[in-house]
Amino acid sequence: MGNFHSKMKILFCLDSLELGGAERQALLLAEHLQSEGCDILLWGLGKPGKVSMLCDEKKIIWESKFSWIQKSLHKEIYGFLKMILDIKRFSPSIIIPFCTIPSLLCALTWRFTKTRACIWNERDIGLFHMLQQAYPFAFKLSTCIVANSIEGKNFLQKNYGDDLDIRVINNGVHISPPGETRKVWKEKLGAEESALIVCMVANIHKRKNHQLLIEAWNEAIISSIIPNNSMLVFAGHEFDAEHLKNKVLNYGLQNNIKFLGAVDDIAGLLSAVDIGVLSSFNEGQPNALLEYMQAGLPIIASDLPCIRELLQDTDSILFKNDSINDFIAAIEQMSFVDRRREAGLRNREICKQKYLPEQMFAEYKALFDELLNKKRPKLPLFFLLSIFIFFSKYYFNRIRNKVLRATI
C-alpha cells in the first residue's frame, strides 16, 4: 500500500460536533490514521461539543463550520465558495464526509480543488431520502460511496441506480476500559443488586423513539411483567428530553427511569446493565448495538433492515418500533437469566469476529490506495450543470428548511 504510507492529508467532515455513532466512527478512524503518520483535519457543521473536546484530547485539529449553513441564498453561495477555499487551504488528498449533508456539500465542492478523491459515507440509510431525491445526481459526484451495511448498499442501489460504486465497510467498535466498577455504577444509578437494568445508549431526539420505551416501561411495571425495582437508563446527549422527563414525572417513574446525559464511561455503565436496547425509527449500522455486543449484553432492538443484518447470527429479539406491546413481550422473553447470559456471550464472540477496528482500518486503507492509484477525474459538464441545479431557486427553496433543521 505504497500511497498510504506517504504522509497524506485527510479531511473529515461531520454533520455535528456532538458525539453520536457516526462521529464515534469518524474519530476512531481519524485517530488511527493520525497515528500512522497522516495529517488529519476534522470539520463539523455545528457548534463545538463533545467531539471537539475529544479531538483536543487526541491532538486532532478540528474546526467548526456552523456558519456555512445560512438562511439566505446569497449567504448560501458565499458558504459554498468559502468551503472550496477552505478545502484548497488544507489541500487534502482525500475527503471523508460522514452522513448525508456533509457528503452532499463535499460532493459539490471537491472537484474545484486539487483533492484526489472524495468518499460519500452513507450512515443515514433512508433518513434523508427526500433530500437525496432532490439531488439524485449527487452520489455520482463523489469518487465512490461507502455504506456500513449490505442493506444500506441495497437501499442506495435500489433508489439511486445499480451503477453506483458502493463499497461495504463494517463499523469497528472500540470502548475504552471501564472507569468505574459495576458496583460503583449500580450505586450511582441507585439500583439494587438484584434489579433488572435496561439501557439505551443514544442521543435523545425524536428519531430514537425514547417515548415508546417510557410508555412501555410504565405499562410493564403496572402489569407486574417486570419487578417494581427494574430500571430503564438513557445515556446520550439530550437534544430533546424535557417532554420525556415530564412524562416520567407524570407516571411517577423517576426512580425507575434515569436520564444520565452524555456518559464518558460507557464500558463502566454497560458492566452494570442487564439488557441493551435500541428503539430507533431509522438506523444504518448502529454503534450502540456494537457497544452492547462488545460488552457481552443481550439485545432488544427495532425491527429494521440494517439491524436485522447486524443481529442475524445472534439470539437477539427484534420488536416493531411502533408497538408498546411488542416491546413489553420482548422484555418478558429476555427476562430469563440463562438466556441473557448465553445471548450476551454469543454477541461478544460475533463482535470479535466481524467488527474489530483493525479490520475497518485495513479496509479503508486499501480503499485509499485504490482511489489514489486511479487518475483524478476531470471536471465534466455534468458536474457544472449539477452545481447550477443546486443553486437554482426551485431546489433551494425545496430543501433549505430541511437542511437547517437537520443541523440544529
Protein backbone atom coordinates (compact mmCIF):
# COMPACT_ATOMS: atom_id res chain seq x y z
CA MET A 1 0.00 0.00 0.00
CA GLY A 2 2.61 2.49 -1.14
CA ASN A 3 0.36 5.51 -1.49
CA PHE A 4 -0.99 5.23 2.03
CA HIS A 5 2.39 5.14 3.73
CA SER A 6 3.36 8.52 2.32
CA LYS A 7 2.34 11.43 4.53
CA MET A 8 -1.20 12.13 3.37
CA LYS A 9 -3.57 14.91 4.27
CA ILE A 10 -7.06 13.61 5.04
CA LEU A 11 -10.08 15.81 5.70
CA PHE A 12 -13.02 14.52 7.76
CA CYS A 13 -16.33 16.40 7.57
CA LEU A 14 -19.06 15.65 10.15
CA ASP A 15 -22.67 16.72 10.47
CA SER A 16 -22.21 17.64 14.14
CA LEU A 17 -19.54 18.16 16.78
CA GLU A 18 -21.74 16.41 19.34
CA LEU A 19 -20.96 12.75 19.83
CA GLY A 20 -23.15 10.18 18.08
CA GLY A 21 -22.48 6.84 16.38
CA ALA A 22 -21.18 8.30 13.11
CA GLU A 23 -18.95 10.73 14.99
CA ARG A 24 -17.51 7.91 17.11
CA GLN A 25 -16.61 6.00 13.94
CA ALA A 26 -15.03 9.07 12.35
CA LEU A 27 -12.95 9.78 15.47
CA LEU A 28 -11.83 6.16 15.69
CA LEU A 29 -10.64 6.20 12.08
CA ALA A 30 -9.11 9.69 12.30
CA GLU A 31 -7.13 8.82 15.43
CA HIS A 32 -5.75 5.67 13.80
CA LEU A 33 -4.78 7.42 10.57
CA GLN A 34 -3.05 10.17 12.53
CA SER A 35 -1.08 7.54 14.46
CA GLU A 36 0.02 6.14 11.08
CA GLY A 37 1.51 9.50 10.10
CA CYS A 38 -1.38 11.13 8.23
CA ASP A 39 -2.12 14.83 8.61
CA ILE A 40 -5.75 14.99 9.82
CA LEU A 41 -8.21 17.88 9.88
CA LEU A 42 -11.77 17.42 11.15
CA TRP A 43 -14.64 19.78 10.30
CA GLY A 44 -18.04 19.81 11.98
CA LEU A 45 -21.15 21.54 10.60
CA GLY A 46 -22.20 22.54 14.09
CA LYS A 47 -21.08 24.34 17.20
CA PRO A 48 -18.26 22.91 19.37
CA GLY A 49 -19.30 19.96 21.50
CA LYS A 50 -18.08 16.62 22.83
CA VAL A 51 -16.37 15.74 19.55
CA SER A 52 -14.22 18.88 19.64
CA MET A 53 -13.29 18.12 23.27
CA LEU A 54 -12.21 14.60 22.32
CA CYS A 55 -10.24 15.98 19.36
CA ASP A 56 -8.34 18.24 21.76
CA GLU A 57 -7.54 15.22 23.96
CA LYS A 58 -6.36 13.20 20.98
CA LYS A 59 -4.50 16.17 19.45
CA ILE A 60 -6.65 16.08 16.30
CA ILE A 61 -7.06 19.52 14.69
CA TRP A 62 -10.72 20.48 14.30
CA GLU A 63 -12.74 23.44 13.06
CA SER A 64 -16.42 24.38 13.44
CA LYS A 65 -18.11 25.27 10.13
CA PHE A 66 -21.51 26.20 11.56
CA SER A 67 -21.53 29.43 9.54
CA TRP A 68 -21.70 27.54 6.24
CA ILE A 69 -25.42 26.86 6.65
CA GLN A 70 -27.18 30.20 6.27
CA LYS A 71 -30.75 31.44 5.83
CA SER A 72 -30.49 33.34 2.55
CA LEU A 73 -29.42 32.35 -0.94
CA HIS A 74 -26.57 34.84 -1.33
CA LYS A 75 -25.10 33.73 2.00
CA GLU A 76 -25.53 30.08 0.98
CA ILE A 77 -23.48 30.77 -2.15
CA TYR A 78 -20.90 32.53 -0.01
CA GLY A 79 -20.73 29.45 2.24
CA PHE A 80 -20.30 27.23 -0.80
CA LEU A 81 -17.40 29.35 -2.12
CA LYS A 82 -15.91 29.57 1.38
CA MET A 83 -15.94 25.77 1.59
CA ILE A 84 -14.00 25.49 -1.67
CA LEU A 85 -11.40 27.96 -0.41
CA ASP A 86 -11.14 26.14 2.93
CA ILE A 87 -10.56 22.81 1.16
CA LYS A 88 -7.89 24.43 -1.01
CA ARG A 89 -6.25 25.89 2.08
CA PHE A 90 -5.82 22.44 3.68
CA SER A 91 -5.23 20.73 0.30
CA PRO A 92 -6.20 17.17 1.32
CA SER A 93 -5.51 14.08 -0.75
CA ILE A 94 -8.79 12.51 0.39
CA ILE A 95 -12.02 13.89 1.86
CA ILE A 96 -14.18 11.63 4.04
CA PRO A 97 -17.53 13.17 4.97
CA PHE A 98 -19.80 11.22 7.35
CA CYS A 99 -23.62 11.30 6.83
CA THR A 100 -25.76 12.80 4.09
CA ILE A 101 -25.46 16.58 4.44
CA PRO A 102 -21.63 16.69 4.74
CA SER A 103 -21.40 14.15 1.90
CA LEU A 104 -23.61 16.34 -0.30
CA LEU A 105 -21.63 19.51 0.43
CA CYS A 106 -18.29 17.79 -0.18
CA ALA A 107 -19.55 16.13 -3.38
CA LEU A 108 -20.46 19.54 -4.78
CA THR A 109 -17.17 21.25 -3.91
CA TRP A 110 -14.22 18.87 -4.00
CA ARG A 111 -13.64 18.87 -7.77
CA PHE A 112 -12.97 22.60 -7.71
CA THR A 113 -9.85 21.75 -5.68
CA LYS A 114 -6.81 19.51 -6.20
CA THR A 115 -8.21 16.79 -3.93
CA ARG A 116 -7.64 13.33 -5.41
CA ALA A 117 -10.72 11.57 -4.05
CA CYS A 118 -13.92 12.24 -2.08
CA ILE A 119 -15.80 9.34 -0.45
CA TRP A 120 -19.54 9.67 0.12
CA ASN A 121 -20.00 7.98 3.52
CA GLU A 122 -23.62 6.87 3.89
CA ARG A 123 -24.68 6.38 7.51
CA ASP A 124 -28.27 7.64 7.49
CA ILE A 125 -29.95 4.94 5.42
CA GLY A 126 -33.28 6.39 4.31
CA LEU A 127 -33.24 9.22 6.86
CA PHE A 128 -32.57 11.93 4.27
CA HIS A 129 -34.33 10.17 1.41
CA MET A 130 -36.25 13.33 0.40
CA LEU A 131 -33.04 15.35 0.37
CA GLN A 132 -31.27 12.71 -1.72
CA GLN A 133 -34.22 12.56 -4.12
CA ALA A 134 -33.87 16.32 -4.63
CA TYR A 135 -30.25 15.79 -5.73
CA PRO A 136 -30.12 12.28 -7.23
CA PHE A 137 -27.01 13.22 -9.21
CA ALA A 138 -25.00 13.98 -6.06
CA PHE A 139 -23.88 10.40 -5.38
CA LYS A 140 -22.06 10.22 -8.72
CA LEU A 141 -20.13 13.41 -7.99
CA SER A 142 -18.11 11.58 -5.33
CA THR A 143 -15.33 9.14 -6.23
CA CYS A 144 -17.22 6.27 -4.60
CA ILE A 145 -19.68 5.53 -1.80
CA VAL A 146 -19.04 3.69 1.46
CA ALA A 147 -22.00 2.09 3.23
CA ASN A 148 -21.62 0.31 6.56
CA SER A 149 -24.07 -2.48 5.77
CA ILE A 150 -25.20 -4.62 2.83
CA GLU A 151 -28.76 -3.43 3.43
CA GLY A 152 -27.51 0.13 3.13
CA LYS A 153 -25.86 -0.65 -0.18
CA ASN A 154 -29.02 -2.36 -1.45
CA PHE A 155 -31.14 0.65 -0.43
CA LEU A 156 -28.95 3.09 -2.35
CA GLN A 157 -28.74 0.95 -5.47
CA LYS A 158 -32.50 0.32 -5.47
CA ASN A 159 -33.33 4.01 -5.15
CA TYR A 160 -30.47 5.74 -6.99
CA GLY A 161 -29.11 3.26 -9.54
CA ASP A 162 -27.41 -0.13 -9.81
CA ASP A 163 -24.38 1.55 -11.39
CA LEU A 164 -23.35 3.35 -8.18
CA ASP A 165 -19.87 2.36 -6.97
CA ILE A 166 -20.65 1.31 -3.39
CA ARG A 167 -18.23 -0.41 -1.00
CA VAL A 168 -19.39 -2.01 2.25
CA ILE A 169 -17.10 -1.42 5.22
CA ASN A 170 -18.44 -2.54 8.59
CA ASN A 171 -18.08 -0.32 11.61
CA GLY A 172 -15.34 -1.11 14.07
CA VAL A 173 -16.19 -0.96 17.75
CA HIS A 174 -13.84 0.16 20.49
CA ILE A 175 -14.77 1.02 24.07
CA SER A 176 -12.16 2.31 26.49
CA PRO A 177 -11.67 0.20 29.66
CA PRO A 178 -14.22 0.84 32.44
CA GLY A 179 -13.57 3.91 34.54
CA GLU A 180 -15.72 2.64 37.40
CA THR A 181 -16.72 -0.86 38.51
CA ARG A 182 -20.13 -2.48 38.19
CA LYS A 183 -20.69 -1.96 41.91
CA VAL A 184 -19.91 1.77 41.71
CA TRP A 185 -22.23 2.22 38.72
CA LYS A 186 -25.04 0.35 40.50
CA GLU A 187 -24.63 2.78 43.39
CA LYS A 188 -24.63 5.78 41.02
CA LEU A 189 -27.87 4.58 39.48
CA GLY A 190 -29.41 3.91 42.87
CA ALA A 191 -30.21 0.36 41.75
CA GLU A 192 -30.47 -2.70 43.94
CA GLU A 193 -28.04 -5.51 43.11
CA SER A 194 -30.91 -7.76 42.01
CA ALA A 195 -32.66 -5.07 39.93
CA LEU A 196 -33.14 -5.59 36.20
CA ILE A 197 -31.37 -2.72 34.41
CA VAL A 198 -32.11 -1.98 30.75
CA CYS A 199 -30.06 0.69 28.97
CA MET A 200 -30.32 2.62 25.72
CA VAL A 201 -27.19 4.45 24.57
CA ALA A 202 -28.40 7.05 22.06
CA ASN A 203 -28.63 10.80 21.78
CA ILE A 204 -32.11 11.91 22.78
CA HIS A 205 -34.14 13.15 19.83
CA LYS A 206 -37.36 12.02 18.16
CA ARG A 207 -35.72 9.62 15.70
CA LYS A 208 -34.53 7.41 18.55
CA ASN A 209 -38.09 6.87 19.84
CA HIS A 210 -37.37 7.07 23.60
CA GLN A 211 -41.03 7.85 24.20
CA LEU A 212 -42.16 4.34 23.30
CA LEU A 213 -39.76 2.84 25.86
CA ILE A 214 -41.05 5.13 28.62
CA GLU A 215 -44.67 4.25 27.88
CA ALA A 216 -43.84 0.54 27.64
CA TRP A 217 -41.88 0.65 30.91
CA ASN A 218 -44.88 2.20 32.66
CA GLU A 219 -47.22 -0.49 31.29
CA ALA A 220 -44.78 -3.29 32.20
CA ILE A 221 -44.49 -2.14 35.82
CA ILE A 222 -48.24 -1.57 36.23
CA SER A 223 -48.97 -5.06 34.89
CA SER A 224 -46.16 -6.61 37.02
CA ILE A 225 -44.42 -8.03 33.95
CA ILE A 226 -41.18 -6.65 35.37
CA PRO A 227 -40.37 -6.10 39.08
CA ASN A 228 -41.05 -2.71 40.65
CA ASN A 229 -37.33 -2.09 41.18
CA SER A 230 -36.50 -2.53 37.46
CA MET A 231 -34.68 0.42 35.91
CA LEU A 232 -34.57 1.92 32.41
CA VAL A 233 -31.49 4.06 31.77
CA PHE A 234 -30.93 6.57 28.96
CA ALA A 235 -27.36 7.62 28.16
CA GLY A 236 -26.86 10.26 25.48
CA HIS A 237 -26.75 13.96 24.69
CA GLU A 238 -30.15 15.49 25.47
CA PHE A 239 -31.26 17.33 22.32
CA ASP A 240 -34.97 16.87 23.05
CA ALA A 241 -35.54 15.46 26.54
CA GLU A 242 -37.72 17.86 28.53
CA HIS A 243 -41.08 16.44 27.45
CA LEU A 244 -39.79 12.92 28.12
CA LYS A 245 -38.70 13.87 31.64
CA ASN A 246 -42.13 15.40 32.25
CA LYS A 247 -43.77 12.17 31.11
CA VAL A 248 -41.62 10.19 33.56
CA LEU A 249 -42.67 12.53 36.40
CA ASN A 250 -46.34 12.22 35.43
CA TYR A 251 -46.05 8.43 35.56
CA GLY A 252 -44.25 8.64 38.92
CA LEU A 253 -41.33 6.64 37.48
CA GLN A 254 -38.45 8.93 38.46
CA ASN A 255 -36.92 6.07 40.49
CA ASN A 256 -37.34 3.63 37.60
CA ILE A 257 -36.22 5.71 34.60
CA LYS A 258 -32.93 7.65 34.68
CA PHE A 259 -31.58 10.26 32.27
CA LEU A 260 -27.77 10.28 32.53
CA GLY A 261 -26.92 12.71 29.72
CA ALA A 262 -23.70 12.07 27.79
CA VAL A 263 -21.65 9.36 29.51
CA ASP A 264 -17.88 9.11 29.07
CA ASP A 265 -17.53 5.78 30.88
CA ILE A 266 -19.71 3.68 28.56
CA ALA A 267 -17.87 0.46 29.42
CA GLY A 268 -18.40 1.02 33.14
CA LEU A 269 -22.09 1.78 32.66
CA LEU A 270 -22.68 -1.27 30.47
CA SER A 271 -20.97 -3.51 33.04
CA ALA A 272 -23.89 -2.70 35.37
CA VAL A 273 -26.57 -3.31 32.72
CA ASP A 274 -28.54 -6.49 32.01
CA ILE A 275 -30.02 -5.71 28.56
CA GLY A 276 -29.10 -3.22 25.82
CA VAL A 277 -32.00 -1.74 23.84
CA LEU A 278 -32.43 0.43 20.76
CA SER A 279 -35.86 1.68 19.68
CA SER A 280 -34.94 3.87 16.68
CA PHE A 281 -37.16 4.62 13.70
CA ASN A 282 -34.14 4.65 11.37
CA GLU A 283 -30.60 3.21 11.55
CA GLY A 284 -27.63 2.28 9.42
CA GLN A 285 -25.28 0.08 11.42
CA PRO A 286 -25.84 1.33 14.98
CA ASN A 287 -22.76 1.96 17.07
CA ALA A 288 -24.80 1.36 20.24
CA LEU A 289 -25.59 -2.24 19.25
CA LEU A 290 -21.90 -2.94 18.62
CA GLU A 291 -21.06 -1.50 22.04
CA TYR A 292 -23.67 -3.78 23.63
CA MET A 293 -22.21 -6.75 21.78
CA GLN A 294 -18.66 -5.94 22.85
CA ALA A 295 -19.88 -5.62 26.45
CA GLY A 296 -21.48 -9.07 26.24
CA LEU A 297 -25.05 -7.85 26.61
CA PRO A 298 -28.23 -9.39 25.19
CA ILE A 299 -30.07 -7.05 22.83
CA ILE A 300 -33.62 -5.93 22.13
CA ALA A 301 -33.88 -3.63 19.10
CA SER A 302 -36.15 -2.17 16.44
CA ASP A 303 -37.00 -4.48 13.56
CA LEU A 304 -35.22 -2.53 10.81
CA PRO A 305 -33.38 -3.97 7.76
CA CYS A 306 -29.88 -2.88 8.82
CA ILE A 307 -30.46 -4.04 12.39
CA ARG A 308 -31.69 -7.42 11.15
CA GLU A 309 -28.49 -7.74 9.13
CA LEU A 310 -26.30 -6.81 12.09
CA LEU A 311 -28.03 -9.19 14.53
CA GLN A 312 -28.84 -12.04 12.14
CA ASP A 313 -26.46 -14.53 13.81
CA THR A 314 -27.34 -13.52 17.37
CA ASP A 315 -30.03 -14.53 19.82
CA SER A 316 -31.47 -11.01 19.93
CA ILE A 317 -35.13 -10.00 19.95
CA LEU A 318 -36.48 -7.51 17.42
CA PHE A 319 -39.70 -5.57 18.01
CA LYS A 320 -41.96 -3.29 15.99
CA ASN A 321 -40.88 0.23 16.90
CA ASP A 322 -44.48 1.48 16.93
CA SER A 323 -45.77 -1.22 19.29
CA ILE A 324 -45.62 -0.89 23.07
CA ASN A 325 -46.95 -4.43 23.48
CA ASP A 326 -44.26 -5.81 21.19
CA PHE A 327 -41.53 -4.25 23.30
CA ILE A 328 -43.09 -5.49 26.55
CA ALA A 329 -43.25 -9.02 25.11
CA ALA A 330 -39.56 -8.76 24.16
CA ILE A 331 -38.61 -7.70 27.70
CA GLU A 332 -40.61 -10.60 29.10
CA GLN A 333 -38.84 -13.07 26.79
CA MET A 334 -35.42 -11.73 27.76
CA SER A 335 -36.18 -11.77 31.49
CA PHE A 336 -34.62 -15.22 31.97
CA VAL A 337 -31.07 -15.02 33.31
CA ASP A 338 -29.77 -18.05 31.39
CA ARG A 339 -30.99 -16.72 28.07
CA ARG A 340 -29.43 -13.30 28.75
CA ARG A 341 -26.11 -14.89 29.64
CA GLU A 342 -25.99 -17.13 26.55
CA ALA A 343 -27.10 -14.34 24.22
CA GLY A 344 -24.51 -11.94 25.68
CA LEU A 345 -21.65 -14.42 25.24
CA ARG A 346 -22.67 -15.08 21.63
CA ASN A 347 -22.87 -11.34 20.93
CA ARG A 348 -19.37 -10.76 22.27
CA GLU A 349 -17.94 -13.56 20.14
CA ILE A 350 -19.59 -12.28 16.93
CA CYS A 351 -18.33 -8.78 17.67
CA LYS A 352 -14.76 -10.09 17.91
CA GLN A 353 -15.13 -11.95 14.61
CA LYS A 354 -16.71 -9.21 12.46
CA TYR A 355 -16.38 -5.74 13.99
CA LEU A 356 -12.81 -5.25 15.12
CA PRO A 357 -11.44 -1.72 14.48
CA GLU A 358 -8.35 -3.20 12.85
CA GLN A 359 -10.49 -4.77 10.12
CA MET A 360 -12.19 -1.44 9.42
CA PHE A 361 -8.82 0.38 9.31
CA ALA A 362 -7.38 -2.13 6.84
CA GLU A 363 -10.38 -1.87 4.50
CA TYR A 364 -10.30 1.93 4.48
CA LYS A 365 -6.56 1.99 3.79
CA ALA A 366 -6.96 -0.50 0.94
CA LEU A 367 -9.70 1.73 -0.50
CA PHE A 368 -7.47 4.81 -0.20
CA ASP A 369 -4.72 3.06 -2.14
CA GLU A 370 -7.15 2.01 -4.86
CA LEU A 371 -8.55 5.53 -5.25
CA LEU A 372 -5.17 7.26 -5.20
CA ASN A 373 -3.87 4.93 -7.89
CA LYS A 374 -6.68 6.00 -10.20
CA LYS A 375 -6.44 9.03 -12.43
CA ARG A 376 -8.20 12.04 -10.95
CA PRO A 377 -11.49 12.62 -12.80
CA LYS A 378 -11.83 15.72 -14.91
CA LEU A 379 -14.41 18.41 -14.23
CA PRO A 380 -17.23 17.31 -16.59
CA LEU A 381 -20.02 19.43 -17.99
CA PHE A 382 -22.40 17.25 -15.96
CA PHE A 383 -20.71 18.43 -12.77
CA LEU A 384 -21.06 22.11 -13.67
CA LEU A 385 -24.70 21.53 -14.58
CA SER A 386 -25.20 19.86 -11.20
CA ILE A 387 -23.84 22.91 -9.41
CA PHE A 388 -26.25 25.14 -11.36
CA ILE A 389 -29.17 22.94 -10.33
CA PHE A 390 -28.02 23.03 -6.72
CA PHE A 391 -28.31 26.79 -6.63
CA SER A 392 -31.50 27.10 -8.65
CA LYS A 393 -34.31 28.76 -6.73
CA TYR A 394 -36.63 25.78 -7.06
CA TYR A 395 -34.31 23.26 -5.47
CA PHE A 396 -33.01 25.67 -2.87
CA ASN A 397 -36.46 26.56 -1.55
CA ARG A 398 -37.46 22.92 -1.59
CA ILE A 399 -34.85 21.70 0.90
CA ARG A 400 -33.39 24.73 2.69
CA ASN A 401 -35.59 24.35 5.76
CA LYS A 402 -34.86 20.62 5.99
CA VAL A 403 -31.12 21.26 5.96
CA LEU A 404 -31.40 23.97 8.61
CA ARG A 405 -33.49 21.77 10.90
CA ALA A 406 -31.13 18.84 10.46
CA THR A 407 -28.07 20.84 11.53
CA ILE A 408 -29.51 22.46 14.66
